PDB file of N, CA and C in Angstrom:
ATOM      1  N   MET A   1     162.629 117.186 129.697  1.00  0.00           N
ATOM      2  CA  MET A   1     163.959 117.599 129.332  1.00  0.00           C
ATOM      3  C   MET A   1     164.653 118.061 130.607  1.00  0.00           C
ATOM      4  N   SER A   2     165.778 117.483 130.896  1.00  0.00           N
ATOM      5  CA  SER A   2     166.510 117.836 132.099  1.00  0.00           C
ATOM      6  C   SER A   2     167.287 119.135 131.869  1.00  0.00           C
ATOM      7  N   VAL A   3     166.944 120.158 132.653  1.00  0.00           N
ATOM      8  CA  VAL A   3     167.563 121.475 132.497  1.00  0.00           C
ATOM      9  C   VAL A   3     167.857 122.025 133.881  1.00  0.00           C
ATOM     10  N   GLY A   4     169.083 122.438 134.108  1.00  0.00           N
ATOM     11  CA  GLY A   4     169.424 123.089 135.365  1.00  0.00           C
ATOM     12  C   GLY A   4     169.046 124.559 135.292  1.00  0.00           C
ATOM     13  N   ALA A   5     168.386 125.063 136.311  1.00  0.00           N
ATOM     14  CA  ALA A   5     168.000 126.469 136.326  1.00  0.00           C
ATOM     15  C   ALA A   5     169.237 127.349 136.214  1.00  0.00           C
ATOM     16  N   ASP A   6     169.179 128.323 135.330  1.00  0.00           N
ATOM     17  CA  ASP A   6     170.284 129.274 135.120  1.00  0.00           C
ATOM     18  C   ASP A   6     171.605 128.575 134.823  1.00  0.00           C
ATOM     19  N   ASN A   7     171.563 127.483 134.038  1.00  0.00           N
ATOM     20  CA  ASN A   7     172.803 126.761 133.750  1.00  0.00           C
ATOM     21  C   ASN A   7     173.736 127.605 132.887  1.00  0.00           C
ATOM     22  N   ARG A   8     174.999 127.486 133.112  1.00  0.00           N
ATOM     23  CA  ARG A   8     175.985 128.340 132.442  1.00  0.00           C
ATOM     24  C   ARG A   8     176.156 128.027 130.966  1.00  0.00           C
ATOM     25  N   TYR A   9     175.660 126.894 130.527  1.00  0.00           N
ATOM     26  CA  TYR A   9     175.782 126.525 129.116  1.00  0.00           C
ATOM     27  C   TYR A   9     174.586 127.008 128.298  1.00  0.00           C
ATOM     28  N   HIS A  10     173.576 127.545 128.965  1.00  0.00           N
ATOM     29  CA  HIS A  10     172.368 128.069 128.313  1.00  0.00           C
ATOM     30  C   HIS A  10     171.686 127.011 127.452  1.00  0.00           C
ATOM     31  N   LEU A  11     171.642 125.791 127.993  1.00  0.00           N
ATOM     32  CA  LEU A  11     170.976 124.695 127.298  1.00  0.00           C
ATOM     33  C   LEU A  11     169.585 124.494 127.873  1.00  0.00           C
ATOM     34  N   PRO A  12     168.630 124.089 127.102  1.00  0.00           N
ATOM     35  CA  PRO A  12     168.754 123.725 125.693  1.00  0.00           C
ATOM     36  C   PRO A  12     168.872 124.973 124.823  1.00  0.00           C
ATOM     37  N   ALA A  13     169.520 124.810 123.686  1.00  0.00           N
ATOM     38  CA  ALA A  13     169.640 125.913 122.740  1.00  0.00           C
ATOM     39  C   ALA A  13     168.234 126.295 122.272  1.00  0.00           C
ATOM     40  N   PRO A  14     167.966 127.581 122.117  1.00  0.00           N
ATOM     41  CA  PRO A  14     166.629 128.014 121.704  1.00  0.00           C
ATOM     42  C   PRO A  14     166.141 127.349 120.418  1.00  0.00           C
ATOM     43  N   GLU A  15     167.049 127.115 119.469  1.00  0.00           N
ATOM     44  CA  GLU A  15     166.614 126.494 118.209  1.00  0.00           C
ATOM     45  C   GLU A  15     166.224 125.027 118.404  1.00  0.00           C
ATOM     46  N   VAL A  16     166.845 124.352 119.353  1.00  0.00           N
ATOM     47  CA  VAL A  16     166.479 122.961 119.642  1.00  0.00           C
ATOM     48  C   VAL A  16     165.090 122.929 120.281  1.00  0.00           C
ATOM     49  N   GLU A  17     164.865 123.783 121.259  1.00  0.00           N
ATOM     50  CA  GLU A  17     163.552 123.844 121.897  1.00  0.00           C
ATOM     51  C   GLU A  17     162.482 124.224 120.873  1.00  0.00           C
ATOM     52  N   ALA A  18     162.793 125.154 119.981  1.00  0.00           N
ATOM     53  CA  ALA A  18     161.838 125.572 118.945  1.00  0.00           C
ATOM     54  C   ALA A  18     161.463 124.410 118.035  1.00  0.00           C
ATOM     55  N   ARG A  19     162.419 123.541 117.709  1.00  0.00           N
ATOM     56  CA  ARG A  19     162.113 122.378 116.857  1.00  0.00           C
ATOM     57  C   ARG A  19     161.122 121.446 117.540  1.00  0.00           C
ATOM     58  N   TYR A  20     161.315 121.202 118.828  1.00  0.00           N
ATOM     59  CA  TYR A  20     160.368 120.361 119.566  1.00  0.00           C
ATOM     60  C   TYR A  20     158.982 121.006 119.589  1.00  0.00           C
ATOM     61  N   LEU A  21     158.932 122.290 119.907  1.00  0.00           N
ATOM     62  CA  LEU A  21     157.649 122.978 120.006  1.00  0.00           C
ATOM     63  C   LEU A  21     156.945 123.053 118.658  1.00  0.00           C
ATOM     64  N   ALA A  22     157.700 123.191 117.572  1.00  0.00           N
ATOM     65  CA  ALA A  22     157.115 123.244 116.228  1.00  0.00           C
ATOM     66  C   ALA A  22     156.403 121.944 115.877  1.00  0.00           C
ATOM     67  N   ARG A  23     156.811 120.854 116.494  1.00  0.00           N
ATOM     68  CA  ARG A  23     156.175 119.547 116.246  1.00  0.00           C
ATOM     69  C   ARG A  23     155.007 119.286 117.192  1.00  0.00           C
ATOM     70  N   GLY A  24     154.683 120.298 118.004  1.00  0.00           N
ATOM     71  CA  GLY A  24     153.562 120.151 118.925  1.00  0.00           C
ATOM     72  C   GLY A  24     153.909 119.427 120.210  1.00  0.00           C
ATOM     73  N   THR A  25     155.193 119.293 120.491  1.00  0.00           N
ATOM     74  CA  THR A  25     155.640 118.610 121.697  1.00  0.00           C
ATOM     75  C   THR A  25     155.412 119.494 122.916  1.00  0.00           C
ATOM     76  N   CYS A  26     154.937 118.904 123.969  1.00  0.00           N
ATOM     77  CA  CYS A  26     154.797 119.604 125.237  1.00  0.00           C
ATOM     78  C   CYS A  26     156.061 119.309 126.041  1.00  0.00           C
ATOM     79  N   LEU A  27     156.880 120.304 126.230  1.00  0.00           N
ATOM     80  CA  LEU A  27     158.147 120.097 126.932  1.00  0.00           C
ATOM     81  C   LEU A  27     157.958 120.196 128.438  1.00  0.00           C
ATOM     82  N   LEU A  28     158.388 119.180 129.115  1.00  0.00           N
ATOM     83  CA  LEU A  28     158.416 119.188 130.573  1.00  0.00           C
ATOM     84  C   LEU A  28     159.858 119.445 130.988  1.00  0.00           C
ATOM     85  N   ARG A  29     160.191 120.707 131.149  1.00  0.00           N
ATOM     86  CA  ARG A  29     161.547 121.097 131.527  1.00  0.00           C
ATOM     87  C   ARG A  29     161.665 121.059 133.047  1.00  0.00           C
ATOM     88  N   THR A  30     162.708 120.406 133.541  1.00  0.00           N
ATOM     89  CA  THR A  30     162.847 120.272 134.989  1.00  0.00           C
ATOM     90  C   THR A  30     163.101 121.610 135.682  1.00  0.00           C
ATOM     91  N   ASP A  31     163.642 122.603 134.961  1.00  0.00           N
ATOM     92  CA  ASP A  31     163.838 123.905 135.590  1.00  0.00           C
ATOM     93  C   ASP A  31     162.513 124.632 135.792  1.00  0.00           C
ATOM     94  N   ARG A  32     161.494 124.285 135.021  1.00  0.00           N
ATOM     95  CA  ARG A  32     160.179 124.913 135.149  1.00  0.00           C
ATOM     96  C   ARG A  32     159.173 124.020 135.877  1.00  0.00           C
ATOM     97  N   CYS A  33     159.276 122.716 135.673  1.00  0.00           N
ATOM     98  CA  CYS A  33     158.278 121.772 136.196  1.00  0.00           C
ATOM     99  C   CYS A  33     158.726 121.044 137.450  1.00  0.00           C
ATOM    100  N   GLY A  34     159.985 121.185 137.830  1.00  0.00           N
ATOM    101  CA  GLY A  34     160.502 120.407 138.949  1.00  0.00           C
ATOM    102  C   GLY A  34     160.725 118.973 138.508  1.00  0.00           C
ATOM    103  N   ALA A  35     160.715 118.062 139.454  1.00  0.00           N
ATOM    104  CA  ALA A  35     160.933 116.648 139.134  1.00  0.00           C
ATOM    105  C   ALA A  35     159.812 116.137 138.238  1.00  0.00           C
ATOM    106  N   VAL A  36     160.184 115.365 137.235  1.00  0.00           N
ATOM    107  CA  VAL A  36     159.225 114.761 136.313  1.00  0.00           C
ATOM    108  C   VAL A  36     159.361 113.247 136.448  1.00  0.00           C
ATOM    109  N   THR A  37     158.244 112.579 136.669  1.00  0.00           N
ATOM    110  CA  THR A  37     158.265 111.121 136.770  1.00  0.00           C
ATOM    111  C   THR A  37     157.336 110.522 135.721  1.00  0.00           C
ATOM    112  N   VAL A  38     157.710 109.346 135.255  1.00  0.00           N
ATOM    113  CA  VAL A  38     156.908 108.607 134.283  1.00  0.00           C
ATOM    114  C   VAL A  38     156.655 107.230 134.868  1.00  0.00           C
ATOM    115  N   GLU A  39     155.393 106.831 134.905  1.00  0.00           N
ATOM    116  CA  GLU A  39     155.013 105.505 135.396  1.00  0.00           C
ATOM    117  C   GLU A  39     154.399 104.719 134.244  1.00  0.00           C
ATOM    118  N   ILE A  40     154.858 103.493 134.062  1.00  0.00           N
ATOM    119  CA  ILE A  40     154.315 102.613 133.032  1.00  0.00           C
ATOM    120  C   ILE A  40     153.980 101.289 133.703  1.00  0.00           C
ATOM    121  N   ASP A  41     152.737 100.851 133.557  1.00  0.00           N
ATOM    122  CA  ASP A  41     152.338  99.590 134.179  1.00  0.00           C
ATOM    123  C   ASP A  41     151.977  98.523 133.148  1.00  0.00           C
ATOM    124  N   GLY A  42     152.302  98.751 131.896  1.00  0.00           N
ATOM    125  CA  GLY A  42     151.976  97.796 130.845  1.00  0.00           C
ATOM    126  C   GLY A  42     150.702  98.148 130.106  1.00  0.00           C
ATOM    127  N   ARG A  43     149.843  98.933 130.742  1.00  0.00           N
ATOM    128  CA  ARG A  43     148.600  99.356 130.098  1.00  0.00           C
ATOM    129  C   ARG A  43     148.493 100.862 129.991  1.00  0.00           C
ATOM    130  N   GLN A  44     149.048 101.571 130.947  1.00  0.00           N
ATOM    131  CA  GLN A  44     148.943 103.023 130.960  1.00  0.00           C
ATOM    132  C   GLN A  44     150.302 103.670 131.148  1.00  0.00           C
ATOM    133  N   LEU A  45     150.396 104.876 130.621  1.00  0.00           N
ATOM    134  CA  LEU A  45     151.572 105.717 130.789  1.00  0.00           C
ATOM    135  C   LEU A  45     151.106 106.945 131.557  1.00  0.00           C
ATOM    136  N   ARG A  46     151.725 107.198 132.697  1.00  0.00           N
ATOM    137  CA  ARG A  46     151.367 108.361 133.506  1.00  0.00           C
ATOM    138  C   ARG A  46     152.589 109.258 133.628  1.00  0.00           C
ATOM    139  N   VAL A  47     152.370 110.548 133.398  1.00  0.00           N
ATOM    140  CA  VAL A  47     153.443 111.533 133.500  1.00  0.00           C
ATOM    141  C   VAL A  47     153.030 112.543 134.557  1.00  0.00           C
ATOM    142  N   HIS A  48     153.903 112.760 135.527  1.00  0.00           N
ATOM    143  CA  HIS A  48     153.614 113.688 136.614  1.00  0.00           C
ATOM    144  C   HIS A  48     154.772 114.677 136.750  1.00  0.00           C
ATOM    145  N   ALA A  49     154.431 115.912 137.055  1.00  0.00           N
ATOM    146  CA  ALA A  49     155.447 116.931 137.320  1.00  0.00           C
ATOM    147  C   ALA A  49     155.246 117.457 138.731  1.00  0.00           C
ATOM    148  N   MET A  50     156.341 117.780 139.406  1.00  0.00           N
ATOM    149  CA  MET A  50     156.262 118.314 140.758  1.00  0.00           C
ATOM    150  C   MET A  50     155.427 119.598 140.762  1.00  0.00           C
ATOM    151  N   ARG A  51     155.605 120.415 139.726  1.00  0.00           N
ATOM    152  CA  ARG A  51     154.835 121.651 139.582  1.00  0.00           C
ATOM    153  C   ARG A  51     153.933 121.513 138.356  1.00  0.00           C
ATOM    154  N   PRO A  52     152.741 120.961 138.506  1.00  0.00           N
ATOM    155  CA  PRO A  52     151.889 120.731 137.340  1.00  0.00           C
ATOM    156  C   PRO A  52     151.437 122.012 136.654  1.00  0.00           C
ATOM    157  N   SER A  53     151.635 123.159 137.278  1.00  0.00           N
ATOM    158  CA  SER A  53     151.252 124.421 136.650  1.00  0.00           C
ATOM    159  C   SER A  53     152.378 124.970 135.779  1.00  0.00           C
ATOM    160  N   CYS A  54     153.292 124.114 135.343  1.00  0.00           N
ATOM    161  CA  CYS A  54     154.458 124.567 134.580  1.00  0.00           C
ATOM    162  C   CYS A  54     154.128 124.892 133.127  1.00  0.00           C
ATOM    163  N   GLY A  55     152.863 124.858 132.759  1.00  0.00           N
ATOM    164  CA  GLY A  55     152.473 125.254 131.414  1.00  0.00           C
ATOM    165  C   GLY A  55     152.295 124.108 130.444  1.00  0.00           C
ATOM    166  N   CYS A  56     152.323 122.900 130.931  1.00  0.00           N
ATOM    167  CA  CYS A  56     152.171 121.744 130.051  1.00  0.00           C
ATOM    168  C   CYS A  56     151.047 120.870 130.586  1.00  0.00           C
ATOM    169  N   PRO A  57     149.900 120.824 129.879  1.00  0.00           N
ATOM    170  CA  PRO A  57     148.799 120.004 130.383  1.00  0.00           C
ATOM    171  C   PRO A  57     149.143 118.524 130.487  1.00  0.00           C
ATOM    172  N   ALA A  58     150.141 118.070 129.756  1.00  0.00           N
ATOM    173  CA  ALA A  58     150.535 116.655 129.813  1.00  0.00           C
ATOM    174  C   ALA A  58     151.208 116.298 131.132  1.00  0.00           C
ATOM    175  N   ALA A  59     151.473 117.280 131.963  1.00  0.00           N
ATOM    176  CA  ALA A  59     152.165 117.013 133.226  1.00  0.00           C
ATOM    177  C   ALA A  59     151.377 116.094 134.136  1.00  0.00           C
ATOM    178  N   THR A  60     150.084 116.008 133.931  1.00  0.00           N
ATOM    179  CA  THR A  60     149.274 115.105 134.741  1.00  0.00           C
ATOM    180  C   THR A  60     148.520 114.127 133.841  1.00  0.00           C
ATOM    181  N   ALA A  61     149.050 113.913 132.652  1.00  0.00           N
ATOM    182  CA  ALA A  61     148.354 113.089 131.655  1.00  0.00           C
ATOM    183  C   ALA A  61     148.398 111.616 131.999  1.00  0.00           C
ATOM    184  N   GLU A  62     147.370 110.924 131.581  1.00  0.00           N
ATOM    185  CA  GLU A  62     147.332 109.467 131.662  1.00  0.00           C
ATOM    186  C   GLU A  62     146.887 108.975 130.297  1.00  0.00           C
ATOM    187  N   ARG A  63     147.674 108.114 129.680  1.00  0.00           N
ATOM    188  CA  ARG A  63     147.343 107.593 128.362  1.00  0.00           C
ATOM    189  C   ARG A  63     147.532 106.093 128.347  1.00  0.00           C
ATOM    190  N   ALA A  64     146.803 105.456 127.477  1.00  0.00           N
ATOM    191  CA  ALA A  64     146.992 104.018 127.301  1.00  0.00           C
ATOM    192  C   ALA A  64     148.341 103.777 126.653  1.00  0.00           C
ATOM    193  N   ALA A  65     149.074 102.820 127.151  1.00  0.00           N
ATOM    194  CA  ALA A  65     150.381 102.484 126.582  1.00  0.00           C
ATOM    195  C   ALA A  65     150.188 101.776 125.252  1.00  0.00           C
ATOM    196  N   ALA A  66     151.170 101.897 124.390  1.00  0.00           N
ATOM    197  CA  ALA A  66     151.123 101.218 123.092  1.00  0.00           C
ATOM    198  C   ALA A  66     151.164  99.712 123.310  1.00  0.00           C
ATOM    199  N   PRO A  67     150.473  98.961 122.448  1.00  0.00           N
ATOM    200  CA  PRO A  67     150.473  97.491 122.611  1.00  0.00           C
ATOM    201  C   PRO A  67     151.845  96.887 122.435  1.00  0.00           C
TER     202      PRO A  67
END
């Protein structure tokens, strides 16, 4: 989720973030994780965060891509 640190609009709204978290989503917020990149090679999906200690284990996840 692209979020500017200390943005004046206070986005994302807390209730929106809560809905994602309630579904078990691991949010990679750019204000906490830094740059987030996704690599897809047809077989695997790789997600990397500049700051992998941002609280989301998926920040360094590698998963098989859907067929």
